[in-house]
Amino acid sequence: MKIQILGTGCPKCKKLAENAEAAAKVLGLEYTIEKVTDINRIMGFGIMTTPGLAVDGKVKVAGKVPSVDEIKKMLS
């Protein structure tokens, strides 16, 4: 599973990365985390507000930081 954090590295982006990693670990998933910081790549996902979370290339959330429990639902 490829988890992508879409954002420029702001505090919200970092929190989203922490939450996503925690959720994946709790679920016992095999995963990699990629931080996508290039604005053109982020726009290529079709989102205009960051942070964003994509799983295997599909955007799951944009513009907010979901909780660990919310991310667990997105990953399972």
PDB file of N, CA and C in Angstrom:
ATOM      1  N   MET A   1       0.853  -1.174   0.000  1.00  0.00           N
ATOM      2  CA  MET A   1       0.000   0.000   0.000  1.00  0.00           C
ATOM      3  C   MET A   1       0.894   1.230   0.000  1.00  0.00           C
ATOM      4  N   LYS A   2       0.540   2.175  -0.839  1.00  0.00           N
ATOM      5  CA  LYS A   2       1.291   3.433  -0.922  1.00  0.00           C
ATOM      6  C   LYS A   2       0.423   4.565  -0.374  1.00  0.00           C
ATOM      7  N   ILE A   3       0.887   5.168   0.721  1.00  0.00           N
ATOM      8  CA  ILE A   3       0.182   6.281   1.344  1.00  0.00           C
ATOM      9  C   ILE A   3       0.922   7.554   0.961  1.00  0.00           C
ATOM     10  N   GLN A   4       0.203   8.485   0.362  1.00  0.00           N
ATOM     11  CA  GLN A   4       0.826   9.744  -0.060  1.00  0.00           C
ATOM     12  C   GLN A   4       0.231  10.904   0.729  1.00  0.00           C
ATOM     13  N   ILE A   5       1.128  11.712   1.281  1.00  0.00           N
ATOM     14  CA  ILE A   5       0.742  12.928   1.985  1.00  0.00           C
ATOM     15  C   ILE A   5       0.961  14.078   1.009  1.00  0.00           C
ATOM     16  N   LEU A   6      -0.104  14.770   0.663  1.00  0.00           N
ATOM     17  CA  LEU A   6      -0.035  15.842  -0.321  1.00  0.00           C
ATOM     18  C   LEU A   6      -0.023  17.173   0.404  1.00  0.00           C
ATOM     19  N   GLY A   7       1.108  17.869   0.351  1.00  0.00           N
ATOM     20  CA  GLY A   7       1.210  19.154   1.035  1.00  0.00           C
ATOM     21  C   GLY A   7       2.636  19.672   1.022  1.00  0.00           C
ATOM     22  N   THR A   8       2.764  20.918   1.411  1.00  0.00           N
ATOM     23  CA  THR A   8       4.055  21.597   1.308  1.00  0.00           C
ATOM     24  C   THR A   8       4.950  21.413   2.532  1.00  0.00           C
ATOM     25  N   GLY A   9       4.491  20.680   3.520  1.00  0.00           N
ATOM     26  CA  GLY A   9       5.300  20.447   4.710  1.00  0.00           C
ATOM     27  C   GLY A   9       4.884  21.292   5.901  1.00  0.00           C
ATOM     28  N   CYS A  10       3.684  21.841   5.856  1.00  0.00           N
ATOM     29  CA  CYS A  10       3.158  22.664   6.948  1.00  0.00           C
ATOM     30  C   CYS A  10       2.868  21.783   8.170  1.00  0.00           C
ATOM     31  N   PRO A  11       2.609  22.389   9.318  1.00  0.00           N
ATOM     32  CA  PRO A  11       2.302  21.591  10.516  1.00  0.00           C
ATOM     33  C   PRO A  11       1.128  20.624  10.324  1.00  0.00           C
ATOM     34  N   LYS A  12       0.091  21.042   9.592  1.00  0.00           N
ATOM     35  CA  LYS A  12      -1.052  20.147   9.345  1.00  0.00           C
ATOM     36  C   LYS A  12      -0.619  18.944   8.505  1.00  0.00           C
ATOM     37  N   CYS A  13       0.272  19.178   7.540  1.00  0.00           N
ATOM     38  CA  CYS A  13       0.762  18.081   6.696  1.00  0.00           C
ATOM     39  C   CYS A  13       1.535  17.077   7.544  1.00  0.00           C
ATOM     40  N   LYS A  14       2.350  17.585   8.456  1.00  0.00           N
ATOM     41  CA  LYS A  14       3.131  16.713   9.332  1.00  0.00           C
ATOM     42  C   LYS A  14       2.215  15.910  10.253  1.00  0.00           C
ATOM     43  N   LYS A  15       1.168  16.544  10.771  1.00  0.00           N
ATOM     44  CA  LYS A  15       0.218  15.846  11.635  1.00  0.00           C
ATOM     45  C   LYS A  15      -0.520  14.759  10.860  1.00  0.00           C
ATOM     46  N   LEU A  16      -0.885  15.055   9.611  1.00  0.00           N
ATOM     47  CA  LEU A  16      -1.553  14.063   8.772  1.00  0.00           C
ATOM     48  C   LEU A  16      -0.633  12.863   8.546  1.00  0.00           C
ATOM     49  N   ALA A  17       0.642  13.127   8.297  1.00  0.00           N
ATOM     50  CA  ALA A  17       1.608  12.034   8.097  1.00  0.00           C
ATOM     51  C   ALA A  17       1.710  11.174   9.351  1.00  0.00           C
ATOM     52  N   GLU A  18       1.765  11.815  10.513  1.00  0.00           N
ATOM     53  CA  GLU A  18       1.836  11.074  11.783  1.00  0.00           C
ATOM     54  C   GLU A  18       0.587  10.209  11.969  1.00  0.00           C
ATOM     55  N   ASN A  19      -0.589  10.798  11.733  1.00  0.00           N
ATOM     56  CA  ASN A  19      -1.842  10.058  11.902  1.00  0.00           C
ATOM     57  C   ASN A  19      -1.940   8.888  10.924  1.00  0.00           C
ATOM     58  N   ALA A  20      -1.535   9.108   9.680  1.00  0.00           N
ATOM     59  CA  ALA A  20      -1.610   8.050   8.662  1.00  0.00           C
ATOM     60  C   ALA A  20      -0.679   6.897   9.032  1.00  0.00           C
ATOM     61  N   GLU A  21       0.519   7.238   9.491  1.00  0.00           N
ATOM     62  CA  GLU A  21       1.468   6.191   9.874  1.00  0.00           C
ATOM     63  C   GLU A  21       0.957   5.410  11.083  1.00  0.00           C
ATOM     64  N   ALA A  22       0.397   6.117  12.051  1.00  0.00           N
ATOM     65  CA  ALA A  22      -0.154   5.443  13.234  1.00  0.00           C
ATOM     66  C   ALA A  22      -1.289   4.502  12.839  1.00  0.00           C
ATOM     67  N   ALA A  23      -2.169   4.956  11.960  1.00  0.00           N
ATOM     68  CA  ALA A  23      -3.305   4.133  11.519  1.00  0.00           C
ATOM     69  C   ALA A  23      -2.816   2.882  10.798  1.00  0.00           C
ATOM     70  N   ALA A  24      -1.842   3.038   9.907  1.00  0.00           N
ATOM     71  CA  ALA A  24      -1.322   1.894   9.153  1.00  0.00           C
ATOM     72  C   ALA A  24      -0.654   0.886  10.082  1.00  0.00           C
ATOM     73  N   LYS A  25       0.052   1.379  11.098  1.00  0.00           N
ATOM     74  CA  LYS A  25       0.719   0.476  12.047  1.00  0.00           C
ATOM     75  C   LYS A  25      -0.305  -0.287  12.882  1.00  0.00           C
ATOM     76  N   VAL A  26      -1.351   0.409  13.344  1.00  0.00           N
ATOM     77  CA  VAL A  26      -2.388  -0.245  14.145  1.00  0.00           C
ATOM     78  C   VAL A  26      -3.056  -1.362  13.340  1.00  0.00           C
ATOM     79  N   LEU A  27      -3.259  -1.116  12.051  1.00  0.00           N
ATOM     80  CA  LEU A  27      -3.904  -2.115  11.190  1.00  0.00           C
ATOM     81  C   LEU A  27      -2.937  -3.213  10.747  1.00  0.00           C
ATOM     82  N   GLY A  28      -1.639  -3.034  11.018  1.00  0.00           N
ATOM     83  CA  GLY A  28      -0.647  -4.030  10.635  1.00  0.00           C
ATOM     84  C   GLY A  28      -0.425  -4.122   9.136  1.00  0.00           C
ATOM     85  N   LEU A  29      -0.561  -3.001   8.453  1.00  0.00           N
ATOM     86  CA  LEU A  29      -0.431  -2.994   6.991  1.00  0.00           C
ATOM     87  C   LEU A  29       1.029  -2.900   6.557  1.00  0.00           C
ATOM     88  N   GLU A  30       1.293  -3.436   5.369  1.00  0.00           N
ATOM     89  CA  GLU A  30       2.575  -3.180   4.718  1.00  0.00           C
ATOM     90  C   GLU A  30       2.367  -1.932   3.892  1.00  0.00           C
ATOM     91  N   TYR A  31       3.181  -0.909   4.134  1.00  0.00           N
ATOM     92  CA  TYR A  31       2.940   0.363   3.478  1.00  0.00           C
ATOM     93  C   TYR A  31       4.236   1.139   3.285  1.00  0.00           C
ATOM     94  N   THR A  32       4.171   2.099   2.387  1.00  0.00           N
ATOM     95  CA  THR A  32       5.222   3.106   2.258  1.00  0.00           C
ATOM     96  C   THR A  32       4.521   4.451   2.317  1.00  0.00           C
ATOM     97  N   ILE A  33       5.227   5.434   2.883  1.00  0.00           N
ATOM     98  CA  ILE A  33       4.682   6.790   2.931  1.00  0.00           C
ATOM     99  C   ILE A  33       5.534   7.673   2.034  1.00  0.00           C
ATOM    100  N   GLU A  34       4.854   8.392   1.155  1.00  0.00           N
ATOM    101  CA  GLU A  34       5.527   9.341   0.272  1.00  0.00           C
ATOM    102  C   GLU A  34       4.963  10.721   0.563  1.00  0.00           C
ATOM    103  N   LYS A  35       5.852  11.669   0.762  1.00  0.00           N
ATOM    104  CA  LYS A  35       5.409  13.050   0.965  1.00  0.00           C
ATOM    105  C   LYS A  35       5.541  13.775  -0.373  1.00  0.00           C
ATOM    106  N   VAL A  36       4.417  14.182  -0.913  1.00  0.00           N
ATOM    107  CA  VAL A  36       4.376  14.885  -2.200  1.00  0.00           C
ATOM    108  C   VAL A  36       4.312  16.376  -1.891  1.00  0.00           C
ATOM    109  N   THR A  37       5.414  17.094  -2.164  1.00  0.00           N
ATOM    110  CA  THR A  37       5.483  18.513  -1.819  1.00  0.00           C
ATOM    111  C   THR A  37       5.456  19.425  -3.046  1.00  0.00           C
ATOM    112  N   ASP A  38       5.617  18.849  -4.229  1.00  0.00           N
ATOM    113  CA  ASP A  38       5.618  19.650  -5.454  1.00  0.00           C
ATOM    114  C   ASP A  38       4.192  20.084  -5.802  1.00  0.00           C
ATOM    115  N   ILE A  39       3.995  21.389  -5.912  1.00  0.00           N
ATOM    116  CA  ILE A  39       2.653  21.939  -6.157  1.00  0.00           C
ATOM    117  C   ILE A  39       2.024  21.358  -7.426  1.00  0.00           C
ATOM    118  N   ASN A  40       2.800  21.205  -8.483  1.00  0.00           N
ATOM    119  CA  ASN A  40       2.245  20.672  -9.736  1.00  0.00           C
ATOM    120  C   ASN A  40       1.779  19.229  -9.574  1.00  0.00           C
ATOM    121  N   ARG A  41       2.531  18.433  -8.824  1.00  0.00           N
ATOM    122  CA  ARG A  41       2.108  17.044  -8.573  1.00  0.00           C
ATOM    123  C   ARG A  41       0.858  17.016  -7.714  1.00  0.00           C
ATOM    124  N   ILE A  42       0.805  17.902  -6.700  1.00  0.00           N
ATOM    125  CA  ILE A  42      -0.376  17.958  -5.832  1.00  0.00           C
ATOM    126  C   ILE A  42      -1.605  18.320  -6.666  1.00  0.00           C
ATOM    127  N   MET A  43      -1.469  19.335  -7.525  1.00  0.00           N
ATOM    128  CA  MET A  43      -2.591  19.740  -8.383  1.00  0.00           C
ATOM    129  C   MET A  43      -2.981  18.622  -9.340  1.00  0.00           C
ATOM    130  N   GLY A  44      -2.021  17.781  -9.714  1.00  0.00           N
ATOM    131  CA  GLY A  44      -2.294  16.644 -10.583  1.00  0.00           C
ATOM    132  C   GLY A  44      -3.260  15.645  -9.951  1.00  0.00           C
ATOM    133  N   PHE A  45      -3.351  15.660  -8.626  1.00  0.00           N
ATOM    134  CA  PHE A  45      -4.307  14.802  -7.927  1.00  0.00           C
ATOM    135  C   PHE A  45      -5.700  15.421  -7.928  1.00  0.00           C
ATOM    136  N   GLY A  46      -5.798  16.679  -8.380  1.00  0.00           N
ATOM    137  CA  GLY A  46      -7.098  17.336  -8.456  1.00  0.00           C
ATOM    138  C   GLY A  46      -7.536  17.993  -7.164  1.00  0.00           C
ATOM    139  N   ILE A  47      -6.595  18.241  -6.258  1.00  0.00           N
ATOM    140  CA  ILE A  47      -6.978  18.921  -5.020  1.00  0.00           C
ATOM    141  C   ILE A  47      -6.411  20.336  -5.021  1.00  0.00           C
ATOM    142  N   MET A  48      -7.147  21.237  -4.420  1.00  0.00           N
ATOM    143  CA  MET A  48      -6.727  22.638  -4.368  1.00  0.00           C
ATOM    144  C   MET A  48      -6.383  23.074  -2.952  1.00  0.00           C
ATOM    145  N   THR A  49      -6.788  22.285  -1.944  1.00  0.00           N
ATOM    146  CA  THR A  49      -6.476  22.621  -0.561  1.00  0.00           C
ATOM    147  C   THR A  49      -5.686  21.486   0.067  1.00  0.00           C
ATOM    148  N   THR A  50      -4.661  21.847   0.801  1.00  0.00           N
ATOM    149  CA  THR A  50      -3.844  20.851   1.475  1.00  0.00           C
ATOM    150  C   THR A  50      -4.108  20.940   2.974  1.00  0.00           C
ATOM    151  N   PRO A  51      -3.791  19.939   3.730  1.00  0.00           N
ATOM    152  CA  PRO A  51      -3.140  18.705   3.297  1.00  0.00           C
ATOM    153  C   PRO A  51      -4.122  17.743   2.651  1.00  0.00           C
ATOM    154  N   GLY A  52      -3.554  16.809   1.916  1.00  0.00           N
ATOM    155  CA  GLY A  52      -4.363  15.773   1.293  1.00  0.00           C
ATOM    156  C   GLY A  52      -3.769  14.409   1.582  1.00  0.00           C
ATOM    157  N   LEU A  53      -4.620  13.409   1.531  1.00  0.00           N
ATOM    158  CA  LEU A  53      -4.195  12.026   1.745  1.00  0.00           C
ATOM    159  C   LEU A  53      -4.651  11.199   0.561  1.00  0.00           C
ATOM    160  N   ALA A  54      -3.701  10.514  -0.065  1.00  0.00           N
ATOM    161  CA  ALA A  54      -4.033   9.611  -1.164  1.00  0.00           C
ATOM    162  C   ALA A  54      -3.529   8.218  -0.802  1.00  0.00           C
ATOM    163  N   VAL A  55      -4.314   7.218  -1.170  1.00  0.00           N
ATOM    164  CA  VAL A  55      -3.940   5.827  -0.932  1.00  0.00           C
ATOM    165  C   VAL A  55      -3.928   5.128  -2.284  1.00  0.00           C
ATOM    166  N   ASP A  56      -2.768   4.583  -2.636  1.00  0.00           N
ATOM    167  CA  ASP A  56      -2.586   3.928  -3.939  1.00  0.00           C
ATOM    168  C   ASP A  56      -3.053   4.836  -5.084  1.00  0.00           C
ATOM    169  N   GLY A  57      -2.737   6.134  -4.959  1.00  0.00           N
ATOM    170  CA  GLY A  57      -3.026   7.081  -6.025  1.00  0.00           C
ATOM    171  C   GLY A  57      -4.423   7.675  -6.019  1.00  0.00           C
ATOM    172  N   LYS A  58      -5.286   7.233  -5.090  1.00  0.00           N
ATOM    173  CA  LYS A  58      -6.654   7.755  -5.028  1.00  0.00           C
ATOM    174  C   LYS A  58      -6.791   8.678  -3.822  1.00  0.00           C
ATOM    175  N   VAL A  59      -7.263   9.896  -4.072  1.00  0.00           N
ATOM    176  CA  VAL A  59      -7.415  10.876  -2.996  1.00  0.00           C
ATOM    177  C   VAL A  59      -8.538  10.440  -2.059  1.00  0.00           C
ATOM    178  N   LYS A  60      -8.233  10.410  -0.768  1.00  0.00           N
ATOM    179  CA  LYS A  60      -9.218  10.025   0.245  1.00  0.00           C
ATOM    180  C   LYS A  60      -9.753  11.232   0.999  1.00  0.00           C
ATOM    181  N   VAL A  61      -8.919  12.254   1.175  1.00  0.00           N
ATOM    182  CA  VAL A  61      -9.346  13.446   1.899  1.00  0.00           C
ATOM    183  C   VAL A  61      -8.448  14.610   1.492  1.00  0.00           C
ATOM    184  N   ALA A  62      -9.030  15.810   1.499  1.00  0.00           N
ATOM    185  CA  ALA A  62      -8.254  17.021   1.190  1.00  0.00           C
ATOM    186  C   ALA A  62      -8.752  18.167   2.051  1.00  0.00           C
ATOM    187  N   GLY A  63      -7.814  18.987   2.496  1.00  0.00           N
ATOM    188  CA  GLY A  63      -8.170  20.199   3.216  1.00  0.00           C
ATOM    189  C   GLY A  63      -8.425  20.037   4.701  1.00  0.00           C
ATOM    190  N   LYS A  64      -8.186  18.837   5.243  1.00  0.00           N
ATOM    191  CA  LYS A  64      -8.354  18.657   6.685  1.00  0.00           C
ATOM    192  C   LYS A  64      -7.458  17.529   7.159  1.00  0.00           C
ATOM    193  N   VAL A  65      -7.312  17.432   8.473  1.00  0.00           N
ATOM    194  CA  VAL A  65      -6.497  16.377   9.071  1.00  0.00           C
ATOM    195  C   VAL A  65      -7.431  15.412   9.803  1.00  0.00           C
ATOM    196  N   PRO A  66      -7.718  14.260   9.178  1.00  0.00           N
ATOM    197  CA  PRO A  66      -8.581  13.290   9.839  1.00  0.00           C
ATOM    198  C   PRO A  66      -7.870  12.626  11.017  1.00  0.00           C
ATOM    199  N   SER A  67      -8.652  12.112  11.953  1.00  0.00           N
ATOM    200  CA  SER A  67      -8.091  11.418  13.111  1.00  0.00           C
ATOM    201  C   SER A  67      -7.533  10.070  12.688  1.00  0.00           C
ATOM    202  N   VAL A  68      -6.776   9.456  13.603  1.00  0.00           N
ATOM    203  CA  VAL A  68      -6.237   8.124  13.344  1.00  0.00           C
ATOM    204  C   VAL A  68      -7.375   7.153  13.047  1.00  0.00           C
ATOM    205  N   ASP A  69      -8.463   7.224  13.806  1.00  0.00           N
ATOM    206  CA  ASP A  69      -9.596   6.308  13.577  1.00  0.00           C
ATOM    207  C   ASP A  69     -10.234   6.523  12.208  1.00  0.00           C
ATOM    208  N   GLU A  70     -10.360   7.791  11.794  1.00  0.00           N
ATOM    209  CA  GLU A  70     -10.928   8.065  10.469  1.00  0.00           C
ATOM    210  C   GLU A  70     -10.022   7.513   9.368  1.00  0.00           C
ATOM    211  N   ILE A  71      -8.728   7.651   9.540  1.00  0.00           N
ATOM    212  CA  ILE A  71      -7.783   7.141   8.533  1.00  0.00           C
ATOM    213  C   ILE A  71      -7.810   5.626   8.508  1.00  0.00           C
ATOM    214  N   LYS A  72      -7.958   4.993   9.661  1.00  0.00           N
ATOM    215  CA  LYS A  72      -8.048   3.521   9.700  1.00  0.00           C
ATOM    216  C   LYS A  72      -9.191   3.045   8.818  1.00  0.00           C
ATOM    217  N   LYS A  73     -10.330   3.725   8.855  1.00  0.00           N
ATOM    218  CA  LYS A  73     -11.473   3.351   8.022  1.00  0.00           C
ATOM    219  C   LYS A  73     -11.136   3.507   6.540  1.00  0.00           C
ATOM    220  N   MET A  74     -10.377   4.555   6.201  1.00  0.00           N
ATOM    221  CA  MET A  74     -10.002   4.792   4.801  1.00  0.00           C
ATOM    222  C   MET A  74      -9.035   3.735   4.290  1.00  0.00           C
ATOM    223  N   LEU A  75      -8.210   3.204   5.176  1.00  0.00           N
ATOM    224  CA  LEU A  75      -7.186   2.250   4.775  1.00  0.00           C
ATOM    225  C   LEU A  75      -7.687   0.814   4.728  1.00  0.00           C
ATOM    226  N   SER A  76      -8.787   0.538   5.444  1.00  0.00           N
ATOM    227  CA  SER A  76      -9.237  -0.861   5.502  1.00  0.00           C
ATOM    228  C   SER A  76     -10.362  -1.136   4.528  1.00  0.00           C
TER     229      SER A  76
END
